[in-house]
């Protein structure tokens, strides 16, 4: 004996409404289709469920007994729906993002605050750490979203591209190189230079540019946080080469940004655990991140172009 769920739905509605026509309207099908579902169910159960007469239909004693069992099954389904909702709400009750310092300071606080304003019950968690830790957190599903640059074909991670961020030179106010519209590695010979750590892709890109220009890339200091690099420059301790997003971390005193040639790019990405569903708060956050990046790109100093 195999009962079709559609047959049970038709029986329940006909029993409750006392009308096959009304049941058909509620199911979005025709009245003959409902009649056929009921006949097939009666044949499967080998029970007469309704008595048909010129004035309508009425339920049999067997139908009343059967309806009690049907209601129990529907209550069970409703309980499953409530359980799924509770699981979904618990999952969506926390939004955990792991990102590098520039995003953690300049982009994500405002984006997360906007999502929290739209969803007051949401709890957010922001982990600011190095790229290797972000990749591990995403791949092992310890966060919902990661933001950093990644090697191609990273296992366990799905990704979406974000706008590429240009690499720039940071100069303290009054520095002689401020007069130049753009700066090359050879222009920085003899300068005290600060930059990202040696174990980063960005450091490798910059070092390669210096090598191709025939000059050495000798760092006076390296920092994992762009804000710290900006602070060295703001103090007049030297110059720096950094991505434009991290360079925006300097607030006071101001620093001067100039395009770096060759035109290198830092290519951050949105990282997701492979195959994971994306909740509505996460989708909202992604929109806010892209909007925030667009605002930062639009307000970038002249000559520094984001793509």
Protein backbone atom coordinates (compact mmCIF):
# COMPACT_ATOMS: atom_id res chain seq x y z
CA UNK A 1 0.00 0.00 0.00
CA UNK A 2 1.46 3.36 -1.10
CA UNK A 3 -0.35 6.56 -0.19
CA UNK A 4 0.37 9.63 -2.28
CA UNK A 5 0.92 12.76 -0.11
CA UNK A 6 -1.19 14.72 -2.58
CA UNK A 7 -4.06 12.33 -1.95
CA UNK A 8 -3.77 12.90 1.79
CA UNK A 9 -3.74 16.67 1.30
CA UNK A 10 -6.89 16.46 -0.82
CA UNK A 11 -8.63 14.24 1.76
CA UNK A 12 -7.75 16.59 4.62
CA UNK A 13 -9.07 19.65 2.80
CA UNK A 14 -12.25 17.94 1.62
CA UNK A 15 -12.90 16.63 5.16
CA UNK A 16 -12.34 20.09 6.68
CA UNK A 17 -14.32 22.09 4.12
CA UNK A 18 -16.99 19.55 3.21
CA UNK A 19 -16.54 20.54 -0.45
CA UNK A 20 -14.41 19.19 -3.24
CA UNK A 21 -14.76 22.49 -5.09
CA UNK A 22 -13.34 24.48 -2.16
CA UNK A 23 -10.58 21.95 -1.66
CA UNK A 24 -9.68 22.23 -5.34
CA UNK A 25 -9.45 26.02 -5.06
CA UNK A 26 -7.18 25.75 -2.03
CA UNK A 27 -4.93 23.26 -3.81
CA UNK A 28 -4.88 25.22 -7.05
CA UNK A 29 -6.24 22.36 -9.14
CA UNK A 30 -9.56 21.44 -10.72
CA UNK A 31 -12.51 19.84 -8.91
CA UNK A 32 -12.32 16.67 -11.10
CA UNK A 33 -8.64 16.35 -10.14
CA UNK A 34 -9.58 16.41 -6.44
CA UNK A 35 -12.31 13.81 -7.03
CA UNK A 36 -9.76 11.57 -8.75
CA UNK A 37 -7.31 11.95 -5.84
CA UNK A 38 -10.03 10.95 -3.38
CA UNK A 39 -11.10 7.95 -5.49
CA UNK A 40 -7.49 6.75 -5.80
CA UNK A 41 -6.99 7.15 -2.04
CA UNK A 42 -10.15 5.15 -1.32
CA UNK A 43 -8.96 2.43 -3.69
CA UNK A 44 -5.52 2.32 -2.05
CA UNK A 45 -6.96 2.21 1.48
CA UNK A 46 -9.87 -0.03 0.48
CA UNK A 47 -12.11 2.28 2.50
CA UNK A 48 -15.12 4.41 1.61
CA UNK A 49 -14.26 7.89 2.90
CA UNK A 50 -17.11 10.04 1.63
CA UNK A 51 -20.76 9.49 0.79
CA UNK A 52 -21.71 11.42 -2.32
CA UNK A 53 -25.26 12.69 -2.76
CA UNK A 54 -27.05 15.33 -4.77
CA UNK A 55 -26.70 17.84 -1.93
CA UNK A 56 -22.96 17.30 -1.49
CA UNK A 57 -20.67 14.90 0.35
CA UNK A 58 -20.40 13.67 3.92
CA UNK A 59 -17.62 11.83 5.70
CA UNK A 60 -18.01 8.21 6.68
CA UNK A 61 -17.12 6.80 10.10
CA UNK A 62 -13.95 5.37 8.58
CA UNK A 63 -13.06 8.84 7.26
CA UNK A 64 -13.44 10.36 10.74
CA UNK A 65 -11.13 7.74 12.22
CA UNK A 66 -8.65 8.13 9.37
CA UNK A 67 -8.71 11.95 9.70
CA UNK A 68 -7.52 11.65 13.32
CA UNK A 69 -4.41 9.84 12.13
CA UNK A 70 -3.92 12.31 9.28
CA UNK A 71 -4.02 15.21 11.73
CA UNK A 72 -1.38 13.54 13.87
CA UNK A 73 0.92 13.26 10.87
CA UNK A 74 0.32 16.92 9.96
CA UNK A 75 1.10 17.98 13.51
CA UNK A 76 4.34 16.04 13.20
CA UNK A 77 5.15 17.84 9.94
CA UNK A 78 4.42 21.18 11.57
CA UNK A 79 6.76 20.28 14.40
CA UNK A 80 9.46 19.49 11.83
CA UNK A 81 8.83 22.86 10.17
CA UNK A 82 9.13 24.62 13.53
CA UNK A 83 12.34 22.71 14.28
CA UNK A 84 13.77 23.69 10.90
CA UNK A 85 12.84 27.31 11.57
CA UNK A 86 14.55 27.20 14.95
CA UNK A 87 17.69 25.72 13.39
CA UNK A 88 17.61 28.35 10.65
CA UNK A 89 17.11 31.17 13.13
CA UNK A 90 19.94 29.89 15.29
CA UNK A 91 22.17 29.67 12.24
CA UNK A 92 21.17 33.14 11.11
CA UNK A 93 21.38 34.53 14.64
CA UNK A 94 25.17 34.87 14.37
CA UNK A 95 27.12 36.28 11.45
CA UNK A 96 30.86 35.62 11.72
CA UNK A 97 33.30 37.29 9.34
CA UNK A 98 37.08 36.86 9.20
CA UNK A 99 39.10 39.47 7.31
CA UNK A 100 42.44 41.20 7.03
CA UNK A 101 43.12 44.45 8.85
CA UNK A 102 42.08 46.90 6.12
CA UNK A 103 38.63 45.38 5.76
CA UNK A 104 38.33 44.96 9.51
CA UNK A 105 38.91 48.67 10.09
CA UNK A 106 37.59 50.53 7.05
CA UNK A 107 34.84 48.41 5.55
CA UNK A 108 33.30 45.77 7.78
CA UNK A 109 32.33 47.78 10.89
CA UNK A 110 30.10 50.05 8.82
CA UNK A 111 28.75 47.16 6.73
CA UNK A 112 28.02 45.00 9.78
CA UNK A 113 26.39 47.92 11.57
CA UNK A 114 24.05 48.43 8.60
CA UNK A 115 23.04 44.76 8.69
CA UNK A 116 22.51 44.93 12.47
CA UNK A 117 20.29 47.98 12.03
CA UNK A 118 18.10 46.03 9.60
CA UNK A 119 18.14 42.93 11.83
CA UNK A 120 18.37 44.05 15.48
CA UNK A 121 18.36 40.48 16.82
CA UNK A 122 21.47 39.54 14.86
CA UNK A 123 24.78 39.07 16.68
CA UNK A 124 27.91 39.78 14.66
CA UNK A 125 31.47 38.60 15.16
CA UNK A 126 34.46 40.10 13.37
CA UNK A 127 37.81 38.33 13.44
CA UNK A 128 40.72 40.35 12.08
CA UNK A 129 43.68 38.09 11.34
CA UNK A 130 46.25 37.05 8.75
CA UNK A 131 45.30 35.54 5.39
CA UNK A 132 46.41 31.98 6.19
CA UNK A 133 44.15 31.88 9.25
CA UNK A 134 41.23 33.28 7.25
CA UNK A 135 41.60 30.54 4.64
CA UNK A 136 41.68 27.88 7.35
CA UNK A 137 38.62 29.32 9.11
CA UNK A 138 36.59 29.37 5.90
CA UNK A 139 37.65 25.91 4.73
CA UNK A 140 36.80 24.38 8.13
CA UNK A 141 33.47 26.27 8.33
CA UNK A 142 34.44 28.25 11.44
CA UNK A 143 33.10 31.45 9.90
CA UNK A 144 30.41 32.38 7.38
CA UNK A 145 32.54 34.71 5.28
CA UNK A 146 36.22 35.42 4.80
CA UNK A 147 37.81 38.31 2.94
CA UNK A 148 41.38 38.24 1.64
CA UNK A 149 43.37 37.34 -1.46
CA UNK A 150 43.68 33.62 -2.11
CA UNK A 151 45.75 31.24 -4.22
CA UNK A 152 43.90 29.74 -7.22
CA UNK A 153 41.76 26.63 -6.62
CA UNK A 154 41.91 26.65 -2.83
CA UNK A 155 40.32 23.43 -1.52
CA UNK A 156 37.08 23.71 0.45
CA UNK A 157 36.41 27.33 -0.52
CA UNK A 158 34.07 29.03 -2.96
CA UNK A 159 34.79 32.64 -3.84
CA UNK A 160 33.52 35.79 -5.52
CA UNK A 161 35.77 38.54 -6.84
CA UNK A 162 35.85 41.98 -5.28
CA UNK A 163 37.20 45.08 -7.06
CA UNK A 164 40.99 44.96 -7.40
CA UNK A 165 42.72 47.52 -5.18
CA UNK A 166 45.69 49.49 -6.58
CA UNK A 167 49.08 49.49 -4.86
CA UNK A 168 50.21 53.00 -3.86
CA UNK A 169 53.11 54.86 -2.30
CA UNK A 170 52.55 56.56 1.04
CA UNK A 171 54.45 59.76 1.75
CA UNK A 172 54.49 62.11 4.74
CA UNK A 173 53.38 65.69 4.07
CA UNK A 174 56.23 67.87 2.80
CA UNK A 175 58.26 64.97 1.43
CA UNK A 176 60.15 65.90 -1.79
CA UNK A 177 58.55 63.02 -3.71
CA UNK A 178 55.08 64.55 -3.18
CA UNK A 179 55.82 66.73 -6.22
CA UNK A 180 55.75 63.66 -8.49
CA UNK A 181 52.48 62.40 -9.97
CA UNK A 182 53.54 58.74 -9.72
CA UNK A 183 56.44 56.83 -8.27
CA UNK A 184 58.58 53.96 -9.53
CA UNK A 185 60.91 51.69 -7.56
CA UNK A 186 63.99 53.63 -8.75
CA UNK A 187 62.46 56.82 -7.31
CA UNK A 188 62.54 55.26 -3.84
CA UNK A 189 66.23 54.37 -3.80
CA UNK A 190 67.71 55.65 -0.54
CA UNK A 191 64.32 56.04 1.15
CA UNK A 192 63.40 54.34 4.42
CA UNK A 193 60.62 51.99 3.31
CA UNK A 194 57.93 50.21 5.33
CA UNK A 195 55.66 47.55 3.90
CA UNK A 196 53.74 44.28 4.33
CA UNK A 197 55.47 41.16 5.73
CA UNK A 198 57.74 39.03 3.58
CA UNK A 199 55.44 36.01 3.74
CA UNK A 200 52.61 37.82 1.90
CA UNK A 201 51.71 37.83 -1.77
CA UNK A 202 51.73 41.64 -1.74
CA UNK A 203 55.35 41.72 -0.53
CA UNK A 204 56.32 39.33 -3.33
CA UNK A 205 54.64 41.55 -5.94
CA UNK A 206 56.43 44.67 -4.70
CA UNK A 207 59.80 42.95 -4.45
CA UNK A 208 59.44 41.65 -8.01
CA UNK A 209 58.65 45.18 -9.26
CA UNK A 210 61.85 46.50 -7.65
CA UNK A 211 63.88 43.65 -9.14
CA UNK A 212 62.50 44.34 -12.62
CA UNK A 213 63.40 48.02 -12.20
CA UNK A 214 66.96 47.01 -11.33
CA UNK A 215 66.98 48.23 -7.73
CA UNK A 216 66.93 46.50 -4.36
CA UNK A 217 63.88 46.34 -2.12
CA UNK A 218 65.26 46.81 1.38
CA UNK A 219 62.58 47.16 4.04
CA UNK A 220 63.28 49.20 7.14
CA UNK A 221 60.28 47.58 8.77
CA UNK A 222 57.31 45.33 8.04
CA UNK A 223 53.87 45.26 9.67
CA UNK A 224 50.93 42.90 9.50
CA UNK A 225 48.49 45.81 9.95
CA UNK A 226 48.18 48.52 7.33
CA UNK A 227 47.26 50.99 10.06
CA UNK A 228 50.68 50.52 11.64
CA UNK A 229 52.43 51.11 8.31
CA UNK A 230 50.40 54.30 7.87
CA UNK A 231 51.42 55.40 11.37
CA UNK A 232 55.13 55.10 10.55
CA UNK A 233 54.63 57.30 7.49
CA UNK A 234 52.46 59.81 9.34
CA UNK A 235 55.23 60.18 11.93
CA UNK A 236 57.71 61.02 9.19
CA UNK A 237 59.69 57.83 9.88
CA UNK A 238 59.79 56.88 6.19
CA UNK A 239 57.67 56.06 3.16
CA UNK A 240 55.65 52.94 2.42
CA UNK A 241 54.18 50.82 -0.35
CA UNK A 242 50.75 49.39 0.41
CA UNK A 243 47.35 48.63 -1.09
CA UNK A 244 45.11 51.68 -1.36
CA UNK A 245 42.45 50.24 0.94
CA UNK A 246 44.87 49.74 3.82
CA UNK A 247 46.43 53.14 3.06
CA UNK A 248 43.08 54.77 3.79
CA UNK A 249 43.54 53.72 7.40
CA UNK A 250 45.57 56.85 8.18
CA UNK A 251 43.31 59.50 9.65
CA UNK A 252 45.45 61.95 11.57
CA UNK A 253 47.87 63.41 10.69
CA UNK A 254 47.21 63.02 6.95
CA UNK A 255 49.52 61.18 4.57
CA UNK A 256 49.92 61.63 0.83
CA UNK A 257 49.17 58.84 -1.64
CA UNK A 258 50.73 58.52 -5.08
CA UNK A 259 50.20 55.82 -7.73
CA UNK A 260 52.91 53.15 -7.82
CA UNK A 261 54.30 52.09 -11.19
CA UNK A 262 54.11 49.37 -12.41
CA UNK A 263 50.38 49.33 -11.68
CA UNK A 264 50.15 46.41 -9.28
CA UNK A 265 46.80 45.25 -7.86
CA UNK A 266 45.75 43.52 -4.68
CA UNK A 267 42.84 41.23 -5.53
CA UNK A 268 40.67 40.48 -2.47
CA UNK A 269 37.84 37.98 -2.68
CA UNK A 270 34.74 37.03 -0.75
CA UNK A 271 35.34 33.51 0.57
CA UNK A 272 32.64 30.99 1.51
CA UNK A 273 32.79 27.43 2.83
CA UNK A 274 32.37 25.26 -0.26
CA UNK A 275 28.72 24.44 -0.96
CA UNK A 276 27.39 26.29 2.08
CA UNK A 277 23.99 28.06 1.93
CA UNK A 278 24.00 31.85 2.19
CA UNK A 279 21.58 33.34 4.69
CA UNK A 280 19.70 36.58 4.15
CA UNK A 281 21.92 38.48 6.63
CA UNK A 282 24.99 37.26 4.75
CA UNK A 283 23.56 38.35 1.40
CA UNK A 284 22.75 41.73 2.92
CA UNK A 285 26.29 42.04 4.28
CA UNK A 286 27.80 41.29 0.88
CA UNK A 287 25.74 44.09 -0.68
CA UNK A 288 26.91 46.47 2.05
CA UNK A 289 30.56 45.49 1.55
CA UNK A 290 30.38 46.13 -2.18
CA UNK A 291 28.66 49.47 -1.59
CA UNK A 292 31.29 50.50 0.95
CA UNK A 293 34.11 49.59 -1.43
CA UNK A 294 32.43 51.60 -4.19
CA UNK A 295 32.28 54.62 -1.86
CA UNK A 296 35.96 54.26 -0.98
CA UNK A 297 36.95 53.91 -4.63
CA UNK A 298 34.90 56.98 -5.61
CA UNK A 299 36.59 59.09 -2.94
CA UNK A 300 40.11 57.89 -3.77
CA UNK A 301 42.75 60.58 -4.44
CA UNK A 302 43.23 61.73 -8.02
CA UNK A 303 45.29 59.36 -10.17
CA UNK A 304 44.55 56.29 -8.05
CA UNK A 305 42.08 54.13 -9.97
CA UNK A 306 40.25 51.10 -8.54
CA UNK A 307 39.05 48.42 -10.95
